């Protein structure tokens, strides 16, 4: 029998978000609902989010394969 990942329900996500420090709450909400990749989320800036339209511009990403 295979293990199947079950997405968190809305109320479960609300509990998770409520327990996060204030500076990463938006990150958790975006991760849960927007569908951005991890590298795209990590490179978001405040200027990438239009507070009027709600549009998010994704123009950068973390390259995990890059030499460090």
N, C-alpha and C. Protein backbone atom coordinates (compact mmCIF):
# COMPACT_ATOMS: atom_id res chain seq x y z
N UNK A 1 0.84 -1.19 0.00
CA UNK A 1 0.00 0.00 0.00
C UNK A 1 0.88 1.25 0.00
N UNK A 2 0.65 2.16 -0.93
CA UNK A 2 1.44 3.38 -1.04
C UNK A 2 0.91 4.46 -0.10
N UNK A 3 1.85 5.24 0.43
CA UNK A 3 1.45 6.41 1.21
C UNK A 3 1.03 7.51 0.25
N UNK A 4 -0.09 8.11 0.50
CA UNK A 4 -0.60 9.18 -0.36
C UNK A 4 -0.62 10.47 0.45
N UNK A 5 0.00 11.51 -0.12
CA UNK A 5 -0.01 12.82 0.54
C UNK A 5 -1.40 13.42 0.44
N UNK A 6 -1.90 13.89 1.56
CA UNK A 6 -3.21 14.52 1.60
C UNK A 6 -3.00 16.00 1.92
N UNK A 7 -3.42 16.89 1.02
CA UNK A 7 -3.25 18.32 1.28
C UNK A 7 -3.99 18.75 2.55
N UNK A 8 -3.44 19.75 3.21
CA UNK A 8 -4.09 20.29 4.40
C UNK A 8 -5.40 20.98 4.01
N UNK A 9 -6.38 20.85 4.88
CA UNK A 9 -7.66 21.53 4.68
C UNK A 9 -7.50 23.01 5.01
N UNK A 10 -8.44 23.84 4.55
CA UNK A 10 -8.37 25.27 4.81
C UNK A 10 -8.22 25.59 6.29
N UNK A 11 -8.98 24.92 7.13
CA UNK A 11 -8.89 25.21 8.57
C UNK A 11 -7.55 24.79 9.14
N UNK A 12 -6.96 23.74 8.59
CA UNK A 12 -5.63 23.31 9.04
C UNK A 12 -4.57 24.32 8.61
N UNK A 13 -4.71 24.84 7.39
CA UNK A 13 -3.77 25.87 6.92
C UNK A 13 -3.89 27.12 7.77
N UNK A 14 -5.10 27.48 8.15
CA UNK A 14 -5.31 28.65 9.01
C UNK A 14 -4.58 28.49 10.34
N UNK A 15 -4.64 27.30 10.91
CA UNK A 15 -3.93 27.03 12.17
C UNK A 15 -2.42 27.15 11.98
N UNK A 16 -1.93 26.58 10.88
CA UNK A 16 -0.49 26.65 10.59
C UNK A 16 -0.06 28.11 10.45
N UNK A 17 -0.81 28.89 9.67
CA UNK A 17 -0.47 30.30 9.44
C UNK A 17 -0.51 31.07 10.75
N UNK A 18 -1.51 30.83 11.57
CA UNK A 18 -1.62 31.54 12.86
C UNK A 18 -0.43 31.27 13.77
N UNK A 19 0.17 30.09 13.65
CA UNK A 19 1.29 29.73 14.50
C UNK A 19 2.65 30.18 13.96
N UNK A 20 2.67 30.74 12.77
CA UNK A 20 3.93 31.19 12.17
C UNK A 20 4.31 32.58 12.69
N UNK A 21 5.61 32.85 12.77
CA UNK A 21 6.03 34.22 13.10
C UNK A 21 5.49 35.19 12.05
N UNK A 22 5.20 36.40 12.45
CA UNK A 22 4.59 37.39 11.56
C UNK A 22 5.33 37.64 10.27
N UNK A 23 6.65 37.54 10.30
CA UNK A 23 7.42 37.87 9.10
C UNK A 23 7.38 36.79 8.03
N UNK A 24 6.84 35.60 8.32
CA UNK A 24 6.74 34.58 7.28
C UNK A 24 5.31 34.09 7.04
N UNK A 25 4.34 34.74 7.64
CA UNK A 25 2.94 34.33 7.43
C UNK A 25 2.54 34.42 5.96
N UNK A 26 2.89 35.52 5.30
CA UNK A 26 2.53 35.67 3.90
C UNK A 26 3.22 34.60 3.06
N UNK A 27 4.46 34.28 3.37
CA UNK A 27 5.20 33.24 2.67
C UNK A 27 4.44 31.91 2.74
N UNK A 28 3.94 31.57 3.92
CA UNK A 28 3.22 30.31 4.11
C UNK A 28 1.90 30.32 3.33
N UNK A 29 1.19 31.44 3.34
CA UNK A 29 -0.06 31.55 2.58
C UNK A 29 0.22 31.39 1.09
N UNK A 30 1.25 32.07 0.59
CA UNK A 30 1.59 31.96 -0.82
C UNK A 30 1.99 30.53 -1.18
N UNK A 31 2.76 29.90 -0.31
CA UNK A 31 3.17 28.52 -0.56
C UNK A 31 1.96 27.59 -0.63
N UNK A 32 0.96 27.86 0.20
CA UNK A 32 -0.21 26.99 0.27
C UNK A 32 -1.18 27.19 -0.89
N UNK A 33 -1.31 28.41 -1.37
CA UNK A 33 -2.39 28.70 -2.31
C UNK A 33 -1.99 29.17 -3.70
N UNK A 34 -0.80 29.68 -3.87
CA UNK A 34 -0.46 30.30 -5.15
C UNK A 34 0.21 29.34 -6.12
N UNK A 35 0.89 28.36 -5.61
CA UNK A 35 1.50 27.37 -6.49
C UNK A 35 2.86 27.74 -7.03
N UNK A 36 3.52 28.70 -6.39
CA UNK A 36 4.87 29.05 -6.80
C UNK A 36 5.84 27.99 -6.33
N UNK A 37 6.93 27.83 -7.07
CA UNK A 37 7.98 26.91 -6.64
C UNK A 37 8.75 27.53 -5.48
N UNK A 38 9.44 26.69 -4.73
CA UNK A 38 10.20 27.16 -3.56
C UNK A 38 11.18 28.27 -3.94
N UNK A 39 11.94 28.09 -5.00
CA UNK A 39 12.92 29.09 -5.41
C UNK A 39 12.29 30.41 -5.80
N UNK A 40 11.09 30.36 -6.37
CA UNK A 40 10.37 31.59 -6.73
C UNK A 40 9.88 32.30 -5.48
N UNK A 41 9.36 31.56 -4.52
CA UNK A 41 8.90 32.15 -3.26
C UNK A 41 10.05 32.83 -2.51
N UNK A 42 11.20 32.15 -2.48
CA UNK A 42 12.34 32.67 -1.72
C UNK A 42 12.89 33.96 -2.30
N UNK A 43 12.67 34.20 -3.58
CA UNK A 43 13.20 35.40 -4.22
C UNK A 43 12.18 36.52 -4.37
N UNK A 44 10.96 36.34 -3.85
CA UNK A 44 9.97 37.41 -3.94
C UNK A 44 10.38 38.62 -3.10
N UNK A 45 10.07 39.79 -3.61
CA UNK A 45 10.29 41.05 -2.90
C UNK A 45 8.93 41.73 -2.73
N UNK A 46 8.86 42.65 -1.79
CA UNK A 46 7.60 43.38 -1.60
C UNK A 46 7.19 44.08 -2.88
N UNK A 47 8.15 44.57 -3.63
CA UNK A 47 7.84 45.29 -4.87
C UNK A 47 7.27 44.36 -5.95
N UNK A 48 7.35 43.05 -5.76
CA UNK A 48 6.79 42.10 -6.72
C UNK A 48 5.29 41.91 -6.54
N UNK A 49 4.75 42.41 -5.46
CA UNK A 49 3.32 42.23 -5.16
C UNK A 49 2.60 43.55 -5.32
N UNK A 50 1.60 43.58 -6.20
CA UNK A 50 0.79 44.76 -6.40
C UNK A 50 -0.39 44.69 -5.43
N UNK A 51 -0.37 45.55 -4.43
CA UNK A 51 -1.41 45.53 -3.40
C UNK A 51 -2.78 45.92 -3.90
N UNK A 52 -2.87 46.60 -5.02
CA UNK A 52 -4.15 47.02 -5.56
C UNK A 52 -4.79 45.89 -6.37
N UNK A 53 -4.04 45.31 -7.28
CA UNK A 53 -4.60 44.27 -8.15
C UNK A 53 -4.43 42.86 -7.59
N UNK A 54 -3.48 42.69 -6.65
CA UNK A 54 -3.19 41.38 -6.11
C UNK A 54 -2.27 40.56 -7.01
N UNK A 55 -1.78 41.18 -8.05
CA UNK A 55 -0.92 40.48 -9.01
C UNK A 55 0.49 40.34 -8.44
N UNK A 56 1.08 39.15 -8.63
CA UNK A 56 2.44 38.88 -8.18
C UNK A 56 3.31 38.69 -9.42
N UNK A 57 4.40 39.45 -9.51
CA UNK A 57 5.34 39.31 -10.62
C UNK A 57 6.50 38.42 -10.19
N UNK A 58 6.66 37.32 -10.88
CA UNK A 58 7.75 36.39 -10.58
C UNK A 58 8.82 36.60 -11.63
N UNK A 59 9.94 37.22 -11.23
CA UNK A 59 11.00 37.53 -12.19
C UNK A 59 12.34 36.93 -11.78
N UNK A 60 12.41 36.35 -10.59
CA UNK A 60 13.66 35.77 -10.10
C UNK A 60 13.36 34.42 -9.46
N UNK A 61 14.41 33.62 -9.33
CA UNK A 61 14.28 32.36 -8.61
C UNK A 61 15.63 31.97 -8.06
N UNK A 62 15.63 31.18 -7.02
CA UNK A 62 16.86 30.63 -6.46
C UNK A 62 17.24 29.45 -7.35
N UNK A 63 18.49 29.42 -7.77
CA UNK A 63 18.98 28.31 -8.59
C UNK A 63 19.70 27.34 -7.67
N UNK A 64 19.02 26.24 -7.33
CA UNK A 64 19.58 25.27 -6.39
C UNK A 64 20.79 24.54 -6.97
N UNK A 65 20.90 24.53 -8.29
CA UNK A 65 21.99 23.81 -8.94
C UNK A 65 23.24 24.66 -9.11
N UNK A 66 23.15 25.96 -8.81
CA UNK A 66 24.29 26.84 -8.98
C UNK A 66 25.40 26.50 -8.01
N UNK A 67 26.64 26.66 -8.43
CA UNK A 67 27.79 26.44 -7.54
C UNK A 67 27.76 27.49 -6.45
N UNK A 68 28.07 27.06 -5.26
CA UNK A 68 28.06 28.00 -4.12
C UNK A 68 29.45 28.46 -3.81
